[in-house]
N, C-alpha and C. Protein backbone atom coordinates (compact mmCIF):
# COMPACT_ATOMS: atom_id res chain seq x y z
N VAL A 1 63.52 -26.01 -40.44
CA VAL A 1 63.98 -25.60 -39.12
C VAL A 1 64.75 -26.77 -38.52
N LYS A 2 66.00 -26.48 -38.14
CA LYS A 2 66.83 -27.52 -37.55
C LYS A 2 66.84 -27.37 -36.04
N MET A 3 66.84 -28.52 -35.36
CA MET A 3 66.92 -28.52 -33.90
C MET A 3 68.29 -29.03 -33.49
N ASP A 4 68.81 -28.44 -32.46
CA ASP A 4 70.08 -28.95 -31.96
C ASP A 4 69.80 -30.12 -31.02
N ASP A 5 70.87 -30.75 -30.54
CA ASP A 5 70.74 -31.96 -29.73
C ASP A 5 70.02 -31.72 -28.41
N THR A 6 70.23 -30.56 -27.78
CA THR A 6 69.56 -30.30 -26.48
C THR A 6 68.05 -30.17 -26.66
N GLU A 7 67.62 -29.56 -27.76
CA GLU A 7 66.18 -29.44 -28.00
C GLU A 7 65.57 -30.81 -28.25
N ARG A 8 66.27 -31.66 -28.98
CA ARG A 8 65.77 -33.02 -29.23
C ARG A 8 65.67 -33.80 -27.92
N LYS A 9 66.66 -33.68 -27.06
CA LYS A 9 66.65 -34.40 -25.79
C LYS A 9 65.51 -33.90 -24.90
N ASN A 10 65.35 -32.58 -24.81
CA ASN A 10 64.28 -32.03 -23.98
C ASN A 10 62.91 -32.41 -24.53
N ARG A 11 62.81 -32.43 -25.83
CA ARG A 11 61.53 -32.77 -26.45
C ARG A 11 61.18 -34.24 -26.22
N SER A 12 62.16 -35.09 -26.29
CA SER A 12 61.90 -36.52 -26.14
C SER A 12 61.68 -36.91 -24.68
N LYS A 13 62.09 -36.08 -23.71
CA LYS A 13 61.92 -36.42 -22.30
C LYS A 13 60.49 -36.20 -21.81
N ASP A 14 59.74 -35.38 -22.52
CA ASP A 14 58.39 -35.07 -22.07
C ASP A 14 57.36 -35.78 -22.97
N PRO A 15 56.95 -36.98 -22.57
CA PRO A 15 56.02 -37.73 -23.42
C PRO A 15 54.61 -37.13 -23.44
N SER A 16 54.28 -36.29 -22.45
CA SER A 16 52.94 -35.72 -22.43
C SER A 16 52.73 -34.76 -23.61
N GLN A 17 53.79 -34.10 -24.06
CA GLN A 17 53.65 -33.21 -25.22
C GLN A 17 53.29 -34.00 -26.47
N ALA A 18 53.96 -35.11 -26.67
CA ALA A 18 53.67 -35.94 -27.83
C ALA A 18 52.26 -36.52 -27.73
N TYR A 19 51.89 -36.96 -26.54
CA TYR A 19 50.55 -37.51 -26.32
C TYR A 19 49.48 -36.46 -26.60
N ASN A 20 49.66 -35.25 -26.07
CA ASN A 20 48.69 -34.18 -26.29
C ASN A 20 48.63 -33.78 -27.76
N PHE A 21 49.78 -33.79 -28.44
CA PHE A 21 49.79 -33.49 -29.87
C PHE A 21 48.94 -34.49 -30.63
N HIS A 22 49.11 -35.77 -30.33
CA HIS A 22 48.35 -36.79 -31.04
C HIS A 22 46.87 -36.74 -30.68
N LEU A 23 46.54 -36.38 -29.45
CA LEU A 23 45.13 -36.21 -29.09
C LEU A 23 44.50 -35.08 -29.88
N ARG A 24 45.19 -33.95 -29.98
CA ARG A 24 44.67 -32.81 -30.75
C ARG A 24 44.53 -33.18 -32.23
N LYS A 25 45.53 -33.87 -32.74
CA LYS A 25 45.50 -34.28 -34.15
C LYS A 25 44.33 -35.22 -34.42
N ASP A 26 44.11 -36.19 -33.53
CA ASP A 26 42.99 -37.11 -33.68
C ASP A 26 41.66 -36.38 -33.61
N GLN A 27 41.56 -35.42 -32.71
CA GLN A 27 40.32 -34.66 -32.57
C GLN A 27 40.05 -33.83 -33.83
N MET A 28 41.09 -33.21 -34.39
CA MET A 28 40.93 -32.44 -35.62
C MET A 28 40.50 -33.34 -36.78
N ILE A 29 41.11 -34.50 -36.87
CA ILE A 29 40.76 -35.44 -37.94
C ILE A 29 39.31 -35.90 -37.79
N ARG A 30 38.91 -36.19 -36.56
CA ARG A 30 37.54 -36.61 -36.29
C ARG A 30 36.54 -35.52 -36.68
N GLU A 31 36.83 -34.29 -36.28
CA GLU A 31 35.94 -33.17 -36.61
C GLU A 31 35.88 -32.94 -38.11
N TYR A 32 37.00 -33.10 -38.79
CA TYR A 32 37.02 -32.91 -40.24
C TYR A 32 36.18 -33.97 -40.94
N HIS A 33 36.28 -35.22 -40.48
CA HIS A 33 35.48 -36.29 -41.07
C HIS A 33 33.98 -36.07 -40.83
N ILE A 34 33.65 -35.56 -39.67
CA ILE A 34 32.25 -35.24 -39.37
C ILE A 34 31.75 -34.16 -40.31
N SER A 35 32.57 -33.13 -40.53
CA SER A 35 32.16 -32.05 -41.44
C SER A 35 32.03 -32.55 -42.87
N LEU A 36 32.89 -33.48 -43.30
CA LEU A 36 32.77 -34.03 -44.64
C LEU A 36 31.49 -34.84 -44.79
N GLU A 37 31.15 -35.61 -43.76
CA GLU A 37 29.91 -36.39 -43.81
C GLU A 37 28.68 -35.49 -43.83
N SER A 38 28.71 -34.41 -43.05
CA SER A 38 27.56 -33.50 -43.08
C SER A 38 27.46 -32.81 -44.44
N MET A 39 28.59 -32.52 -45.05
CA MET A 39 28.59 -31.94 -46.39
C MET A 39 28.05 -32.94 -47.40
N LYS A 40 28.40 -34.19 -47.24
CA LYS A 40 27.89 -35.24 -48.12
C LYS A 40 26.37 -35.37 -47.99
N MET A 41 25.87 -35.31 -46.76
CA MET A 41 24.42 -35.38 -46.54
C MET A 41 23.72 -34.18 -47.17
N LEU A 42 24.31 -33.00 -47.06
CA LEU A 42 23.74 -31.81 -47.67
C LEU A 42 23.73 -31.93 -49.19
N ARG A 43 24.79 -32.49 -49.76
CA ARG A 43 24.85 -32.68 -51.21
C ARG A 43 23.76 -33.65 -51.68
N GLU A 44 23.54 -34.73 -50.91
CA GLU A 44 22.49 -35.68 -51.26
C GLU A 44 21.11 -35.03 -51.14
N GLU A 45 20.92 -34.22 -50.11
CA GLU A 45 19.66 -33.51 -49.94
C GLU A 45 19.44 -32.53 -51.09
N LEU A 46 20.48 -31.85 -51.51
CA LEU A 46 20.39 -30.91 -52.63
C LEU A 46 20.07 -31.64 -53.92
N SER A 47 20.71 -32.76 -54.17
CA SER A 47 20.44 -33.50 -55.41
C SER A 47 19.01 -34.04 -55.41
N GLU A 48 18.51 -34.47 -54.26
CA GLU A 48 17.13 -34.93 -54.15
C GLU A 48 16.16 -33.77 -54.42
N CYS A 49 16.46 -32.60 -53.90
CA CYS A 49 15.64 -31.41 -54.12
C CYS A 49 15.61 -31.05 -55.60
N VAL A 50 16.77 -31.09 -56.24
CA VAL A 50 16.86 -30.74 -57.66
C VAL A 50 16.06 -31.74 -58.49
N ARG A 51 16.16 -33.04 -58.15
CA ARG A 51 15.41 -34.05 -58.89
C ARG A 51 13.90 -33.88 -58.72
N SER A 52 13.47 -33.60 -57.50
CA SER A 52 12.04 -33.53 -57.24
C SER A 52 11.41 -32.22 -57.73
N GLU A 53 12.15 -31.14 -57.72
CA GLU A 53 11.60 -29.83 -58.10
C GLU A 53 11.71 -29.57 -59.60
N SER A 54 12.60 -30.19 -60.27
CA SER A 54 12.89 -30.06 -61.70
C SER A 54 12.86 -28.60 -62.19
N VAL A 55 11.74 -28.10 -62.63
CA VAL A 55 11.69 -26.77 -63.23
C VAL A 55 11.89 -25.67 -62.20
N ASN A 56 11.37 -25.84 -61.00
CA ASN A 56 11.43 -24.81 -59.96
C ASN A 56 12.65 -24.96 -59.04
N GLN A 57 13.63 -25.71 -59.47
CA GLN A 57 14.78 -26.00 -58.61
C GLN A 57 15.57 -24.76 -58.22
N PHE A 58 15.63 -23.76 -59.09
CA PHE A 58 16.42 -22.58 -58.81
C PHE A 58 15.82 -21.74 -57.68
N VAL A 59 14.51 -21.80 -57.54
CA VAL A 59 13.83 -21.05 -56.49
C VAL A 59 13.72 -21.88 -55.22
N ASN A 60 13.28 -23.13 -55.36
CA ASN A 60 12.97 -23.95 -54.19
C ASN A 60 14.21 -24.55 -53.51
N CYS A 61 15.29 -24.69 -54.22
CA CYS A 61 16.51 -25.28 -53.64
C CYS A 61 17.60 -24.24 -53.41
N LYS A 62 17.24 -22.98 -53.42
CA LYS A 62 18.23 -21.91 -53.32
C LYS A 62 19.01 -21.96 -52.02
N GLU A 63 18.33 -22.15 -50.88
CA GLU A 63 19.02 -22.16 -49.58
C GLU A 63 20.02 -23.30 -49.49
N LEU A 64 19.62 -24.49 -49.94
CA LEU A 64 20.54 -25.63 -49.91
C LEU A 64 21.73 -25.39 -50.82
N ARG A 65 21.46 -24.85 -52.00
CA ARG A 65 22.53 -24.60 -52.97
C ARG A 65 23.53 -23.58 -52.43
N GLU A 66 23.04 -22.51 -51.80
CA GLU A 66 23.94 -21.49 -51.27
C GLU A 66 24.75 -22.01 -50.09
N LYS A 67 24.11 -22.80 -49.22
CA LYS A 67 24.85 -23.36 -48.09
C LYS A 67 25.94 -24.32 -48.57
N TYR A 68 25.61 -25.14 -49.56
CA TYR A 68 26.60 -26.07 -50.10
C TYR A 68 27.75 -25.31 -50.75
N PHE A 69 27.44 -24.24 -51.46
CA PHE A 69 28.48 -23.42 -52.09
C PHE A 69 29.41 -22.82 -51.05
N LEU A 70 28.84 -22.33 -49.93
CA LEU A 70 29.68 -21.78 -48.86
C LEU A 70 30.58 -22.84 -48.25
N LEU A 71 30.06 -24.05 -48.08
CA LEU A 71 30.88 -25.14 -47.55
C LEU A 71 32.01 -25.49 -48.51
N CYS A 72 31.74 -25.42 -49.80
CA CYS A 72 32.78 -25.72 -50.79
C CYS A 72 33.88 -24.66 -50.78
N GLN A 73 33.54 -23.43 -50.46
CA GLN A 73 34.53 -22.36 -50.42
C GLN A 73 35.41 -22.44 -49.17
N ASP A 74 34.87 -22.99 -48.09
CA ASP A 74 35.62 -23.07 -46.83
C ASP A 74 36.63 -24.21 -46.91
N ASN A 75 37.89 -23.93 -46.58
CA ASN A 75 38.92 -24.97 -46.60
C ASN A 75 38.65 -26.08 -45.59
N TYR A 76 37.95 -25.74 -44.51
CA TYR A 76 37.68 -26.72 -43.47
C TYR A 76 36.30 -27.36 -43.61
N ARG A 77 35.60 -27.04 -44.69
CA ARG A 77 34.29 -27.62 -45.02
C ARG A 77 33.27 -27.45 -43.90
N GLY A 78 33.30 -26.29 -43.25
CA GLY A 78 32.32 -26.01 -42.20
C GLY A 78 32.63 -26.67 -40.88
N MET A 79 33.85 -27.10 -40.71
CA MET A 79 34.25 -27.81 -39.49
C MET A 79 34.18 -26.90 -38.28
N ILE A 80 33.67 -27.42 -37.19
CA ILE A 80 33.65 -26.70 -35.92
C ILE A 80 34.98 -26.99 -35.24
N MET A 81 35.75 -25.95 -35.01
CA MET A 81 37.08 -26.13 -34.43
C MET A 81 36.97 -26.43 -32.93
N PRO A 82 37.78 -27.36 -32.44
CA PRO A 82 37.82 -27.62 -31.01
C PRO A 82 38.32 -26.39 -30.26
N PRO A 83 37.94 -26.23 -29.00
CA PRO A 83 38.37 -25.05 -28.22
C PRO A 83 39.89 -24.93 -28.18
N GLY A 84 40.37 -23.72 -28.41
CA GLY A 84 41.80 -23.45 -28.39
C GLY A 84 42.50 -23.72 -29.70
N MET A 85 41.78 -24.18 -30.72
CA MET A 85 42.40 -24.50 -32.00
C MET A 85 41.78 -23.71 -33.14
N GLU A 86 41.09 -22.62 -32.82
CA GLU A 86 40.44 -21.83 -33.85
C GLU A 86 41.48 -21.18 -34.75
N ASN A 87 41.15 -21.13 -36.03
CA ASN A 87 42.03 -20.49 -37.00
C ASN A 87 41.70 -19.00 -37.02
N VAL A 88 42.69 -18.16 -36.83
CA VAL A 88 42.48 -16.71 -36.74
C VAL A 88 42.06 -16.13 -38.09
N ASN A 89 42.59 -16.64 -39.18
CA ASN A 89 42.35 -16.06 -40.50
C ASN A 89 41.12 -16.62 -41.20
N ARG A 90 40.38 -17.49 -40.55
CA ARG A 90 39.24 -18.14 -41.19
C ARG A 90 38.03 -17.21 -41.18
N GLN A 91 37.61 -16.80 -42.36
CA GLN A 91 36.42 -15.95 -42.50
C GLN A 91 35.62 -16.41 -43.70
N VAL A 92 34.43 -16.92 -43.43
CA VAL A 92 33.54 -17.34 -44.50
C VAL A 92 32.22 -16.65 -44.26
N PRO A 93 31.88 -15.62 -45.04
CA PRO A 93 30.63 -14.89 -44.81
C PRO A 93 29.42 -15.82 -44.99
N GLY A 94 28.50 -15.75 -44.04
CA GLY A 94 27.30 -16.57 -44.11
C GLY A 94 27.43 -17.91 -43.46
N LEU A 95 28.64 -18.38 -43.27
CA LEU A 95 28.85 -19.70 -42.68
C LEU A 95 29.28 -19.59 -41.22
N LEU A 96 30.13 -18.62 -40.95
CA LEU A 96 30.62 -18.40 -39.59
C LEU A 96 30.10 -17.09 -39.07
N PRO A 97 29.82 -17.00 -37.76
CA PRO A 97 29.41 -15.71 -37.21
C PRO A 97 30.57 -14.72 -37.29
N PRO A 98 30.27 -13.43 -37.45
CA PRO A 98 31.36 -12.44 -37.54
C PRO A 98 32.14 -12.36 -36.24
N LYS A 99 33.44 -12.13 -36.36
CA LYS A 99 34.31 -12.05 -35.19
C LYS A 99 34.14 -10.69 -34.52
N LYS A 100 34.19 -10.69 -33.21
CA LYS A 100 34.01 -9.44 -32.45
C LYS A 100 35.32 -8.91 -31.96
C-alpha cells in the first residue's frame, strides 16, 4: 500500500497516533511474554507430573496434558488480549469461552 505525500504529512503531524501505536504494541508484547511464561510453567508442571506418576501418567496428568495441548494449538498461546484488541477470528475450544 502506497501513501501519497499528504497522507505522510498528516500522519507525521500527529505524534499521539505513533505514541499510542507503540503503547499498544508494547502491551501486546508484554502480554505475549506473560502467556509464554505461563505456558513454560505449565510444561514444567506437566513434566514433573509425568516423572512422578510414571505408569499412571496418562490418567493422572490428563488435565495438564490437555490444557498444554490447547495452548500449543492457539497462535497466541492463551494470551489474554487487552481491551479493544481482541481478535475476531480466534476460537480455541476449551481454552476460550464461547462467543455470544
